[in-house]
Protein backbone atom coordinates (compact mmCIF):
# COMPACT_ATOMS: atom_id res chain seq x y z
CA MET A 1 -8.70 8.12 26.52
CA ARG A 2 -5.36 8.31 27.96
CA PHE A 3 -3.11 10.71 26.37
CA ARG A 4 0.30 10.01 28.18
CA PRO A 5 1.17 6.10 26.76
CA ILE A 6 -0.08 7.77 23.17
CA PHE A 7 2.60 10.45 23.79
CA ALA A 8 5.27 7.85 25.11
CA VAL A 9 4.66 5.56 21.97
CA LEU A 10 4.38 7.99 19.48
CA GLY A 11 7.93 9.11 20.81
CA LEU A 12 9.24 5.78 20.84
CA LEU A 13 8.25 5.88 16.60
CA ILE A 14 9.47 9.22 15.95
CA LEU A 15 12.98 8.05 17.65
CA THR A 16 12.82 4.65 15.77
CA LEU A 17 12.58 6.97 12.56
CA SER A 18 15.57 9.01 13.22
CA GLY A 19 17.59 5.56 13.23
CA VAL A 20 15.92 4.72 9.97
CA LEU A 21 16.82 7.92 8.32
CA LEU A 22 20.65 6.82 8.98
CA ILE A 23 20.28 4.23 6.52
CA PRO A 24 19.27 6.94 3.54
CA LEU A 25 21.71 9.11 4.73
CA GLY A 26 24.67 6.27 4.68
CA VAL A 27 23.70 5.72 0.79
CA ALA A 28 23.82 9.10 0.06
CA TRP A 29 27.39 9.69 1.85
CA GLY A 30 28.65 6.02 0.44
CA LEU A 31 27.53 7.68 -3.53
CA ASP A 32 29.32 10.58 -2.62
CA SER A 33 25.51 12.44 -2.98
CA THR A 34 26.06 15.81 -0.88
CA HIS A 35 23.17 17.70 -1.80
CA GLU A 36 20.69 15.67 0.43
CA LEU A 37 22.38 15.36 3.39
CA PRO A 38 21.77 18.82 5.32
CA ALA A 39 18.21 17.50 5.40
CA PHE A 40 18.65 14.08 6.80
CA TYR A 41 21.03 16.05 9.42
CA THR A 42 18.24 18.35 10.15
CA THR A 43 15.03 15.94 10.07
CA ILE A 44 17.22 13.38 12.31
CA GLY A 45 18.05 15.99 14.66
CA ILE A 46 14.34 17.12 14.76
CA CYS A 47 13.14 14.00 15.03
CA LEU A 48 15.66 12.71 18.10
CA VAL A 49 14.42 16.09 20.22
CA ILE A 50 11.17 15.95 20.06
CA GLY A 51 10.96 11.66 20.35
CA MET A 52 12.78 12.16 23.60
CA VAL A 53 10.65 14.79 24.84
CA LEU A 54 7.33 12.79 23.78
CA TRP A 55 9.26 9.47 25.47
CA GLY A 56 11.13 10.73 28.55
CA ALA A 57 8.04 12.79 29.95
CA ASN A 58 5.76 9.82 29.37
CA ARG A 59 7.61 7.07 29.47
CA ASN A 60 6.30 5.74 32.56
CA ARG A 61 2.88 5.40 31.00
CA GLN A 62 3.94 3.22 27.91
CA LYS A 63 2.51 0.22 29.23
CA GLU A 64 -1.01 1.52 30.08
CA ILE A 65 -2.13 1.19 26.45
CA ARG A 66 -5.58 -0.40 25.95
CA VAL A 67 -7.63 -1.51 22.51
CA ARG A 68 -8.59 2.63 22.37
CA GLU A 69 -5.00 3.94 23.20
CA ALA A 70 -3.47 1.26 20.48
CA PHE A 71 -6.17 2.32 17.81
CA ALA A 72 -5.19 5.77 18.29
CA VAL A 73 -1.66 5.19 18.45
CA VAL A 74 -1.12 3.40 15.14
CA GLY A 75 -3.75 5.99 13.31
CA LEU A 76 -1.70 8.81 14.74
CA GLY A 77 1.36 6.90 14.51
CA TRP A 78 1.49 6.29 10.96
CA ALA A 79 0.27 10.37 10.24
CA THR A 80 2.79 11.24 12.50
CA LEU A 81 6.10 9.21 10.66
CA SER A 82 5.02 10.07 7.33
CA PHE A 83 5.14 14.01 8.24
CA PHE A 84 8.15 13.68 9.55
CA GLY A 85 9.83 11.35 6.84
CA SER A 86 9.07 14.23 4.73
CA PHE A 87 11.02 16.67 5.55
CA PRO A 88 14.10 15.39 3.71
CA PHE A 89 12.09 15.69 0.45
CA TRP A 90 10.77 19.19 1.41
CA LEU A 91 14.31 20.60 2.87
CA ALA A 92 16.90 18.89 0.25
CA PRO A 93 17.39 21.06 -3.03
CA GLY A 94 16.25 19.33 -5.85
CA GLY A 95 13.42 17.68 -4.10
CA ILE A 96 9.98 18.46 -3.66
CA PRO A 97 9.81 22.02 -2.34
CA ASP A 98 6.17 22.55 -1.69
CA LEU A 99 5.38 20.43 1.63
CA LEU A 100 1.98 19.09 1.14
CA ASP A 101 3.59 17.04 -1.77
CA ALA A 102 5.92 15.61 0.04
CA TYR A 103 3.93 14.33 2.79
CA PHE A 104 1.62 12.72 -0.08
CA GLU A 105 4.98 11.08 -1.64
CA THR A 106 6.00 10.15 2.11
CA MET A 107 2.59 8.77 2.93
CA SER A 108 2.35 7.05 -0.24
CA GLY A 109 5.63 5.27 0.51
CA PHE A 110 4.55 4.33 3.90
CA THR A 111 1.36 3.04 2.78
CA THR A 112 2.43 1.19 -0.18
CA THR A 113 0.57 3.09 -2.28
CA GLY A 114 2.83 4.11 -4.74
CA ALA A 115 1.22 6.84 -6.20
CA THR A 116 3.61 10.27 -6.79
CA ILE A 117 3.22 13.61 -7.53
CA LEU A 118 6.86 13.47 -8.94
CA THR A 119 6.86 14.17 -12.96
CA ASP A 120 10.71 13.48 -12.91
CA ILE A 121 11.28 10.69 -10.94
CA GLU A 122 15.28 10.14 -12.21
CA ALA A 123 15.82 13.61 -11.20
CA LEU A 124 16.00 13.30 -7.85
CA PRO A 125 19.49 12.85 -5.64
CA PRO A 126 20.39 8.76 -4.81
CA GLY A 127 19.37 9.31 -0.97
CA LEU A 128 15.82 10.84 -1.35
CA LEU A 129 15.69 8.51 -4.16
CA PHE A 130 16.56 5.46 -1.63
CA TRP A 131 14.36 7.03 1.27
CA ARG A 132 11.62 6.71 -0.83
CA SER A 133 11.72 2.70 -1.35
CA LEU A 134 12.67 2.35 2.10
CA THR A 135 9.61 4.43 3.27
CA GLN A 136 7.69 1.56 1.11
CA TRP A 137 9.89 -1.32 2.76
CA PHE A 138 8.75 -0.24 6.43
CA GLY A 139 5.48 0.65 5.80
CA GLY A 140 4.80 -2.96 3.95
CA MET A 141 5.10 -5.08 7.18
CA GLY A 142 4.81 -1.60 9.54
CA ILE A 143 6.87 0.28 10.86
CA VAL A 144 4.71 0.25 14.17
CA LEU A 145 5.00 -3.96 14.23
CA LEU A 146 8.62 -3.01 13.77
CA THR A 147 8.38 -1.01 17.35
CA VAL A 148 6.68 -4.08 18.42
CA ALA A 149 9.17 -6.01 17.25
CA VAL A 150 12.90 -4.26 18.58
CA LEU A 151 11.24 -2.45 21.56
CA PRO A 152 9.37 -4.74 24.18
CA LEU A 153 9.03 -1.85 26.42
CA LEU A 154 4.97 -1.66 25.72
CA GLY A 155 4.69 -5.06 27.51
CA SER A 156 1.04 -6.06 27.03
CA GLY A 157 0.03 -3.01 25.17
CA GLY A 158 2.44 -4.39 22.23
CA VAL A 159 -0.34 -6.93 21.70
CA GLN A 160 -3.42 -4.14 21.02
CA MET A 161 -0.66 -2.17 18.71
CA MET A 162 -0.24 -5.30 16.49
CA ARG A 163 -3.87 -5.93 16.24
CA ALA A 164 -4.60 -2.86 15.08
CA GLU A 165 -1.57 -2.45 12.48
CA VAL A 166 -1.50 -5.92 11.14
CA PRO A 167 -3.52 -5.77 7.90
CA GLY A 168 -6.66 -8.52 7.93
CA PRO A 169 -9.16 -9.00 9.77
CA THR A 170 -7.24 -11.83 12.26
CA THR A 171 -3.73 -11.50 13.93
CA GLU A 172 -2.40 -14.87 14.17
CA LYS A 173 0.78 -15.30 16.60
CA LEU A 174 3.90 -17.44 15.58
CA ALA A 175 5.35 -17.54 19.02
CA PRO A 176 3.71 -17.05 22.81
CA ARG A 177 5.48 -13.48 23.05
CA VAL A 178 4.10 -10.85 20.53
CA ALA A 179 7.53 -9.17 19.93
CA GLN A 180 8.86 -12.65 18.97
CA THR A 181 5.80 -13.33 16.64
CA ALA A 182 6.82 -9.57 15.32
CA MET A 183 10.56 -10.38 14.81
CA MET A 184 10.22 -13.32 12.93
CA LEU A 185 7.46 -11.88 10.53
CA TRP A 186 10.34 -9.35 10.09
CA GLY A 187 13.37 -12.11 9.42
CA LEU A 188 10.96 -13.32 6.67
CA TYR A 189 10.05 -10.32 4.75
CA LEU A 190 13.91 -9.45 5.33
CA PHE A 191 14.91 -13.16 3.67
CA LEU A 192 12.63 -12.47 0.87
CA THR A 193 13.88 -8.78 0.13
CA VAL A 194 17.35 -9.96 -0.05
CA ILE A 195 16.41 -13.10 -1.83
CA VAL A 196 14.47 -10.87 -4.84
CA ALA A 197 17.89 -8.39 -4.51
CA GLY A 198 19.84 -10.99 -5.23
CA LEU A 199 18.17 -12.24 -8.28
CA LEU A 200 17.77 -8.59 -9.82
CA LEU A 201 21.58 -7.92 -9.46
CA PRO A 202 23.02 -9.77 -12.85
CA VAL A 203 20.82 -7.28 -14.77
CA MET A 204 20.95 -4.12 -13.44
CA ASP A 205 23.19 -2.19 -10.84
CA TRP A 206 22.67 -2.76 -6.77
CA PHE A 207 21.33 0.38 -6.47
CA ASP A 208 17.97 -0.33 -8.72
CA ALA A 209 18.24 -4.13 -7.44
CA VAL A 210 17.93 -3.17 -3.57
CA THR A 211 15.26 -0.10 -3.93
CA LEU A 212 13.32 -2.70 -6.76
CA SER A 213 13.47 -5.56 -3.90
CA PHE A 214 12.10 -3.40 -1.27
CA SER A 215 9.19 -1.81 -3.13
CA THR A 216 8.53 -5.75 -4.61
CA LEU A 217 8.28 -7.23 -0.96
CA ALA A 218 6.42 -4.29 0.20
CA THR A 219 3.96 -4.36 -2.62
CA GLY A 220 4.39 -0.75 -3.07
CA GLY A 221 5.19 0.24 -6.80
CA PHE A 222 7.95 2.95 -6.48
CA SER A 223 10.56 2.65 -9.00
CA THR A 224 14.19 4.68 -9.66
CA LYS A 225 12.63 5.00 -13.19
CA ASN A 226 10.32 7.37 -14.88
CA ALA A 227 8.54 4.62 -17.02
CA SER A 228 8.94 2.14 -13.79
CA ILE A 229 9.74 -1.36 -14.81
CA ALA A 230 9.03 -0.41 -18.41
CA HIS A 231 12.62 0.92 -18.18
CA PHE A 232 14.43 -2.24 -17.92
CA ASP A 233 12.76 -3.88 -21.17
CA SER A 234 13.52 -7.31 -19.87
CA ALA A 235 11.46 -10.50 -19.72
CA TYR A 236 13.31 -11.88 -16.97
CA VAL A 237 13.06 -8.68 -14.40
CA ASP A 238 8.95 -9.08 -15.22
CA ALA A 239 9.44 -12.65 -14.41
CA VAL A 240 11.09 -12.08 -10.92
CA ILE A 241 8.88 -9.20 -9.87
CA THR A 242 5.38 -11.25 -11.03
CA VAL A 243 6.54 -14.16 -8.85
CA PHE A 244 7.56 -12.33 -5.65
CA VAL A 245 4.71 -9.40 -5.71
CA LEU A 246 1.97 -13.03 -5.97
CA ILE A 247 4.48 -14.18 -3.01
CA ALA A 248 3.87 -11.04 -1.03
CA GLY A 249 0.52 -11.00 -2.03
CA VAL A 250 -0.13 -14.27 0.16
CA ASN A 251 -0.40 -14.51 4.01
CA PHE A 252 3.04 -14.36 5.55
CA VAL A 253 2.26 -16.64 8.16
CA LEU A 254 2.19 -19.45 5.26
CA HIS A 255 5.49 -18.94 3.98
CA TYR A 256 6.39 -18.69 7.80
CA ARG A 257 5.05 -22.31 8.35
CA ALA A 258 6.80 -23.52 5.33
CA LEU A 259 10.09 -22.41 5.26
CA PHE A 260 10.63 -22.14 8.83
CA GLN A 261 8.30 -25.02 10.15
CA GLY A 262 8.17 -27.60 7.69
CA ARG A 263 4.26 -27.50 7.27
CA PRO A 264 3.65 -26.21 3.98
CA LEU A 265 -0.05 -25.69 4.11
CA TYR A 266 -0.70 -23.50 1.07
CA PHE A 267 -3.30 -25.88 -0.87
CA ARG A 268 -5.14 -26.63 2.27
CA ASN A 269 -5.82 -22.83 2.55
CA SER A 270 -9.07 -21.60 0.93
CA GLU A 271 -8.06 -18.15 0.87
CA LEU A 272 -5.01 -19.08 -1.02
CA ARG A 273 -7.15 -21.05 -3.39
CA PHE A 274 -9.45 -18.34 -4.48
CA PHE A 275 -6.19 -15.81 -4.35
CA VAL A 276 -4.71 -18.02 -7.17
CA GLY A 277 -7.59 -19.01 -8.85
CA LEU A 278 -8.86 -15.14 -9.74
CA ILE A 279 -5.14 -14.44 -10.66
CA VAL A 280 -4.58 -17.20 -12.90
CA LEU A 281 -8.40 -16.74 -15.05
CA SER A 282 -7.43 -12.60 -15.01
CA ILE A 283 -4.15 -13.30 -16.41
CA ILE A 284 -5.85 -16.01 -18.86
CA PHE A 285 -8.43 -13.48 -19.97
CA VAL A 286 -6.44 -10.39 -20.29
CA THR A 287 -3.88 -12.46 -22.53
CA LEU A 288 -6.58 -13.30 -24.63
CA MET A 289 -8.24 -9.99 -24.97
CA LEU A 290 -4.48 -8.66 -25.70
CA HIS A 291 -3.93 -11.05 -28.41
CA LEU A 292 -7.34 -11.55 -30.31
CA GLY A 293 -8.12 -7.45 -29.60
CA THR A 294 -7.99 -4.43 -31.42
CA TYR A 295 -6.36 -1.46 -28.81
CA PRO A 296 -5.07 1.62 -28.65
CA ASP A 297 -1.61 0.62 -27.00
CA ARG A 298 -1.86 -2.08 -29.65
CA ILE A 299 -1.72 0.15 -33.07
CA GLU A 300 0.90 2.32 -31.33
CA ASN A 301 3.27 -0.77 -30.29
CA ALA A 302 2.14 -3.43 -32.70
CA ASP A 303 5.52 -5.38 -32.00
CA LYS A 304 4.93 -5.37 -28.21
CA TYR A 305 2.17 -7.44 -29.02
CA GLY A 306 2.97 -9.59 -31.84
CA THR A 307 2.91 -12.91 -30.39
CA LEU A 308 0.50 -14.85 -27.77
CA GLY A 309 3.67 -14.77 -25.27
CA GLN A 310 4.52 -11.17 -25.26
CA CYS A 311 0.47 -10.87 -24.80
CA PHE A 312 1.34 -13.49 -21.85
CA ARG A 313 4.46 -11.59 -20.49
CA TYR A 314 2.26 -8.03 -20.12
CA ALA A 315 -0.56 -9.60 -18.94
CA SER A 316 0.32 -11.56 -15.99
CA PHE A 317 3.11 -8.69 -14.69
CA GLN A 318 0.28 -6.37 -14.91
CA VAL A 319 -2.47 -8.25 -13.53
CA ALA A 320 -0.05 -9.63 -10.80
CA SER A 321 0.96 -5.69 -10.06
CA ILE A 322 -2.54 -4.53 -9.59
CA GLY A 323 -4.00 -7.46 -7.86
CA THR A 324 -1.84 -7.11 -5.14
CA GLY A 325 -1.30 -3.24 -4.96
CA ALA A 326 2.22 -3.18 -6.37
CA GLY A 327 1.34 -0.61 -9.19
CA PHE A 328 4.68 -1.53 -11.04
CA VAL A 329 3.68 -0.99 -14.99
CA THR A 330 5.09 -2.69 -17.87
CA ALA A 331 2.41 -1.16 -20.23
CA ASP A 332 0.06 1.39 -20.69
CA PHE A 333 -3.16 -0.91 -19.75
CA ASP A 334 -5.23 2.29 -19.68
CA HIS A 335 -5.21 1.68 -23.50
CA TRP A 336 -6.17 -1.89 -23.19
CA PRO A 337 -9.58 -3.26 -24.02
CA ASN A 338 -12.48 -2.01 -21.65
CA ALA A 339 -12.98 -5.57 -20.39
CA CYS A 340 -9.46 -5.75 -19.72
CA ARG A 341 -9.52 -2.51 -17.44
CA VAL A 342 -12.82 -3.46 -15.81
CA VAL A 343 -10.84 -6.83 -14.45
CA LEU A 344 -8.04 -4.77 -13.49
CA ILE A 345 -10.62 -1.86 -11.92
CA VAL A 346 -12.05 -5.28 -9.91
CA LEU A 347 -8.55 -6.67 -8.68
CA MET A 348 -7.69 -2.87 -6.98
CA VAL A 349 -11.06 -3.39 -5.06
CA VAL A 350 -10.26 -7.33 -4.24
CA GLY A 351 -6.60 -7.18 -3.50
CA GLY A 352 -4.44 -9.96 -1.93
CA CYS A 353 -4.98 -11.93 1.23
CA ALA A 354 -5.04 -11.22 4.50
CA GLY A 355 -1.97 -10.69 6.43
CA SER A 356 0.12 -10.10 3.07
CA THR A 357 1.84 -6.56 2.30
CA ALA A 358 -0.94 -6.48 -0.45
CA GLY A 359 -4.17 -3.72 -0.65
CA GLY A 360 -7.80 -3.90 -1.31
CA ILE A 361 -10.39 -5.65 0.76
CA LYS A 362 -8.45 -8.59 0.81
CA ILE A 363 -9.87 -12.26 -0.61
CA PHE A 364 -10.98 -13.01 2.63
CA ARG A 365 -13.76 -10.78 3.12
CA VAL A 366 -14.67 -11.13 -0.32
CA LEU A 367 -14.54 -15.28 0.12
CA THR A 368 -16.92 -14.50 3.27
CA LEU A 369 -19.40 -12.40 1.79
CA VAL A 370 -19.95 -14.94 -1.29
CA LYS A 371 -20.21 -17.41 0.86
CA TYR A 372 -22.69 -15.85 3.33
CA GLY A 373 -24.80 -14.61 -0.11
CA LEU A 374 -24.73 -17.98 -0.98
CA ARG A 375 -26.21 -19.89 2.36
CA GLU A 376 -28.67 -16.14 2.08
CA ILE A 377 -30.05 -17.75 -1.04
CA ALA A 378 -30.25 -21.13 0.64
CA LEU A 379 -32.05 -20.08 3.23
CA LEU A 380 -34.65 -18.79 1.14
CA ILE A 381 -35.24 -22.70 0.10
CA ARG A 382 -34.60 -24.12 3.77
CA PRO A 383 -36.00 -21.32 6.06
CA HIS A 384 -34.95 -23.58 9.08
CA ALA A 385 -31.80 -25.38 8.12
CA VAL A 386 -28.53 -24.68 10.03
CA LEU A 387 -25.93 -23.50 7.34
CA PRO A 388 -22.71 -22.46 9.23
CA ILE A 389 -20.03 -20.30 7.21
CA LYS A 390 -17.20 -22.19 6.69
CA ILE A 391 -13.38 -21.30 5.07
CA GLY A 392 -11.23 -23.98 5.07
CA GLY A 393 -13.42 -26.39 6.99
CA GLU A 394 -13.55 -24.03 9.81
CA ALA A 395 -17.33 -22.72 10.77
CA ILE A 396 -16.70 -18.50 10.76
CA GLU A 397 -18.46 -16.96 13.67
CA ARG A 398 -20.94 -14.65 13.81
CA GLU A 399 -18.89 -11.58 15.43
CA VAL A 400 -16.31 -12.27 12.27
CA ILE A 401 -19.20 -12.23 9.64
CA ALA A 402 -20.80 -9.30 11.19
CA ARG A 403 -17.25 -7.35 11.20
CA VAL A 404 -16.54 -8.18 7.45
CA ILE A 405 -20.19 -7.02 6.40
CA GLY A 406 -19.60 -3.61 8.70
CA PHE A 407 -16.17 -3.21 7.01
CA LEU A 408 -17.60 -3.78 3.18
CA ALA A 409 -20.66 -1.26 3.64
CA LEU A 410 -18.01 1.28 5.25
CA TRP A 411 -15.71 0.93 2.82
CA MET A 412 -18.58 1.42 0.16
CA LEU A 413 -20.02 4.37 1.87
CA LEU A 414 -16.37 5.93 1.88
CA PHE A 415 -15.89 5.12 -1.73
CA LEU A 416 -18.85 6.75 -3.24
CA VAL A 417 -18.42 9.71 -1.02
CA SER A 418 -14.89 10.14 -1.57
CA VAL A 419 -15.21 9.85 -5.65
CA LEU A 420 -18.12 12.39 -5.22
CA LEU A 421 -15.90 14.98 -3.29
CA LEU A 422 -12.94 14.33 -5.76
CA SER A 423 -14.88 14.58 -8.87
CA PHE A 424 -15.92 17.95 -7.55
CA VAL A 425 -12.70 18.79 -7.07
CA LEU A 426 -11.50 17.92 -10.01
CA ASP A 427 -14.35 19.25 -12.35
CA PRO A 428 -12.71 21.69 -14.54
CA ALA A 429 -15.28 24.54 -14.55
CA TRP A 430 -15.59 24.47 -10.98
CA ALA A 431 -11.56 24.13 -10.12
CA GLU A 432 -11.21 27.00 -12.42
CA ASP A 433 -14.25 29.36 -10.76
CA ALA A 434 -12.75 28.45 -7.47
CA GLY A 435 -9.57 29.36 -8.33
CA SER A 436 -8.41 26.19 -6.25
CA LEU A 437 -5.99 25.63 -9.12
CA SER A 438 -3.38 27.55 -10.92
CA ALA A 439 -3.58 28.11 -14.28
CA SER A 440 -0.93 25.77 -15.46
CA SER A 441 -2.52 23.13 -13.59
CA ALA A 442 -5.98 23.56 -14.55
CA GLN A 443 -4.75 23.23 -17.51
CA MET A 444 -2.85 20.01 -17.09
CA VAL A 445 -6.27 18.49 -15.25
CA SER A 446 -8.36 19.94 -18.41
CA GLY A 447 -6.01 18.65 -20.80
CA ALA A 448 -5.27 15.44 -19.32
CA LEU A 449 -9.34 14.61 -18.17
CA GLU A 450 -11.15 16.06 -21.41
CA ASP A 451 -14.48 15.67 -19.54
CA ASP A 452 -13.16 12.62 -17.91
CA HIS A 453 -13.06 13.72 -14.29
CA LEU A 454 -15.65 11.35 -13.23
CA LEU A 455 -13.16 8.58 -14.22
CA THR A 456 -10.06 10.22 -12.88
CA ALA A 457 -11.90 10.79 -9.67
CA LEU A 458 -12.83 6.60 -9.71
CA GLY A 459 -9.10 5.89 -10.47
CA ALA A 460 -7.43 8.12 -8.26
CA THR A 461 -9.69 7.09 -5.19
CA LEU A 462 -9.47 3.14 -6.23
CA ALA A 463 -5.60 3.85 -6.76
CA THR A 464 -5.24 5.45 -2.90
CA ILE A 465 -7.95 3.43 -0.70
CA GLY A 466 -6.69 0.34 -2.28
CA ASN A 467 -2.91 1.27 -1.92
CA VAL A 468 -2.61 0.28 -5.53
CA GLY A 469 -0.59 3.57 -7.05
CA PRO A 470 -1.74 3.98 -10.78
CA GLY A 471 -5.55 4.66 -11.55
CA ILE A 472 -7.22 4.86 -14.79
CA ALA A 473 -7.54 8.48 -16.86
CA GLY A 474 -6.17 11.00 -15.43
CA VAL A 475 -3.53 9.38 -13.19
CA GLY A 476 -3.43 5.91 -15.34
CA PRO A 477 -0.25 4.10 -15.24
CA LEU A 478 1.57 7.08 -17.73
CA GLU A 479 0.16 9.89 -15.73
CA ASN A 480 0.68 10.85 -11.98
CA PHE A 481 -0.87 13.16 -9.51
CA SER A 482 0.48 16.54 -9.12
CA ALA A 483 -2.30 18.30 -11.47
CA ILE A 484 -4.60 17.00 -8.44
CA PRO A 485 -5.22 20.11 -6.74
CA ALA A 486 -4.39 20.90 -2.74
CA ILE A 487 -7.54 19.86 -1.18
CA GLY A 488 -8.08 16.54 -3.54
CA LYS A 489 -4.48 15.60 -2.51
CA VAL A 490 -5.45 15.81 1.35
CA LEU A 491 -8.64 13.57 0.72
CA LEU A 492 -6.06 11.17 -1.04
CA ILE A 493 -3.50 11.36 1.54
CA PHE A 494 -6.68 10.35 4.03
CA LEU A 495 -7.69 7.75 1.50
CA MET A 496 -3.99 6.02 1.97
CA LEU A 497 -4.22 6.11 5.65
CA LEU A 498 -7.72 4.41 5.31
CA GLY A 499 -6.61 1.53 3.06
CA ARG A 500 -3.41 0.68 4.93
CA LEU A 501 -4.98 0.53 8.40
CA GLU A 502 -8.17 -0.83 7.24
CA ILE A 503 -10.42 2.24 7.82
CA TYR A 504 -10.92 1.51 11.56
CA ALA A 505 -7.79 2.31 12.78
CA VAL A 506 -8.05 5.65 11.96
CA LEU A 507 -11.72 6.46 12.00
CA VAL A 508 -11.93 5.41 15.69
CA ILE A 509 -10.01 8.81 16.38
CA PHE A 510 -12.50 10.75 15.00
CA ILE A 511 -15.07 9.16 17.38
CA PRO A 512 -16.00 11.74 20.58
CA MET A 513 -16.29 8.79 22.64
CA ALA A 514 -12.62 7.20 21.74
CA TRP A 515 -11.85 9.95 23.46
CA LYS A 516 -13.41 10.27 26.61
CA ARG A 517 -12.13 8.69 29.97
């Protein structure tokens, strides 16, 4: 492992962050909100100094990035950017006084998870609220990818960084140069964001429209309101966000070819067909269950589910939001029928398409696993047959299949271990005996869970490693992560990073062999 190229690129990333922070600083200044200005000034100054030192001392080595350095840069880069990005929350009056909580919130933003420790979101100053949503927008397409786009100083190392950072099992180039590809994807991302903001402007002020457009295209889920999208109580807002989180859950390469090359290949893409079919079937099933069933949320809000159309409105929104990992909320789905909760949990795991901003393990991997299983069954009947696995009419190479199966096995192992660890941390009896919770927090966790700490551990793990945001039980749609013990938050921060960078780019940092020359 060559350390100097890593330090050089980390310096560039921190310098990029100092420039990005000028945006919420300008918003706070424009809205005459002076409380958070010193925090932004201080953070920008710190980033400039540290970024210049790291880059200046190693700038001649930044083009020496190989595959192992690229993975290290991406993993360390996201952790580092989230750390420095948390400073405005931590330093500003009325922000987040605990550094770990501030780091949790910022990591949740950059990884587009949407999990929050805030109990009163609307109490944050506007500059911090804007920065909170902006972290999701930059994290959606990838701030490392942005650096590759605007700073072609990396040379061929940019290819390795893009391969390590862009979600999905494959990375498709739209142009001969990787910087051009990154710029094209960011241009499309910005174009769609502007459209969403424009559609929301007629029904809300510019601040809410812009911040919601950031979270929508990033499938992040941060809102400026405590009640999330339910605050607006608008079928129009629900429809706009439903449509565009689904658009964001589709491979952006397909959007680019359709909009800018006149090649709409949507229906030829088997991954997209699988994704659409799964979403449509889930919406139909959840709608019928909400319309025909009797459940706590319907008992408490009888008018909300009075007609089939109303049930369809809430079902389609939550299925799209959870299925893409956006995590917006218009209803307390944790008080829906158990069958609906199971469907939403499955969608949390599966996620969206490869090459999208959605979370989860990705449709491509699920489709590959299904076809691999069917082929193995066929080989039991015809053991000598040659049956290649095809997706979209093209045979999938054995190397790709091996990577998919390896990823899924590793994901399942990490998930089970994390649920085990988190359930142990959340156990009220152990937490109080070990003194890992304050008296108030222990009471909150015990009161919220009522012996459901295992369900909360399951929901929190799925919500973070799947980059979804809300989970079930103690971290459900009307709850937050504030009562999770400090060690539990550290684990969940790690899971957010694993989910966003799809495990390998993070775990490679902990492999001793990767650090040997």
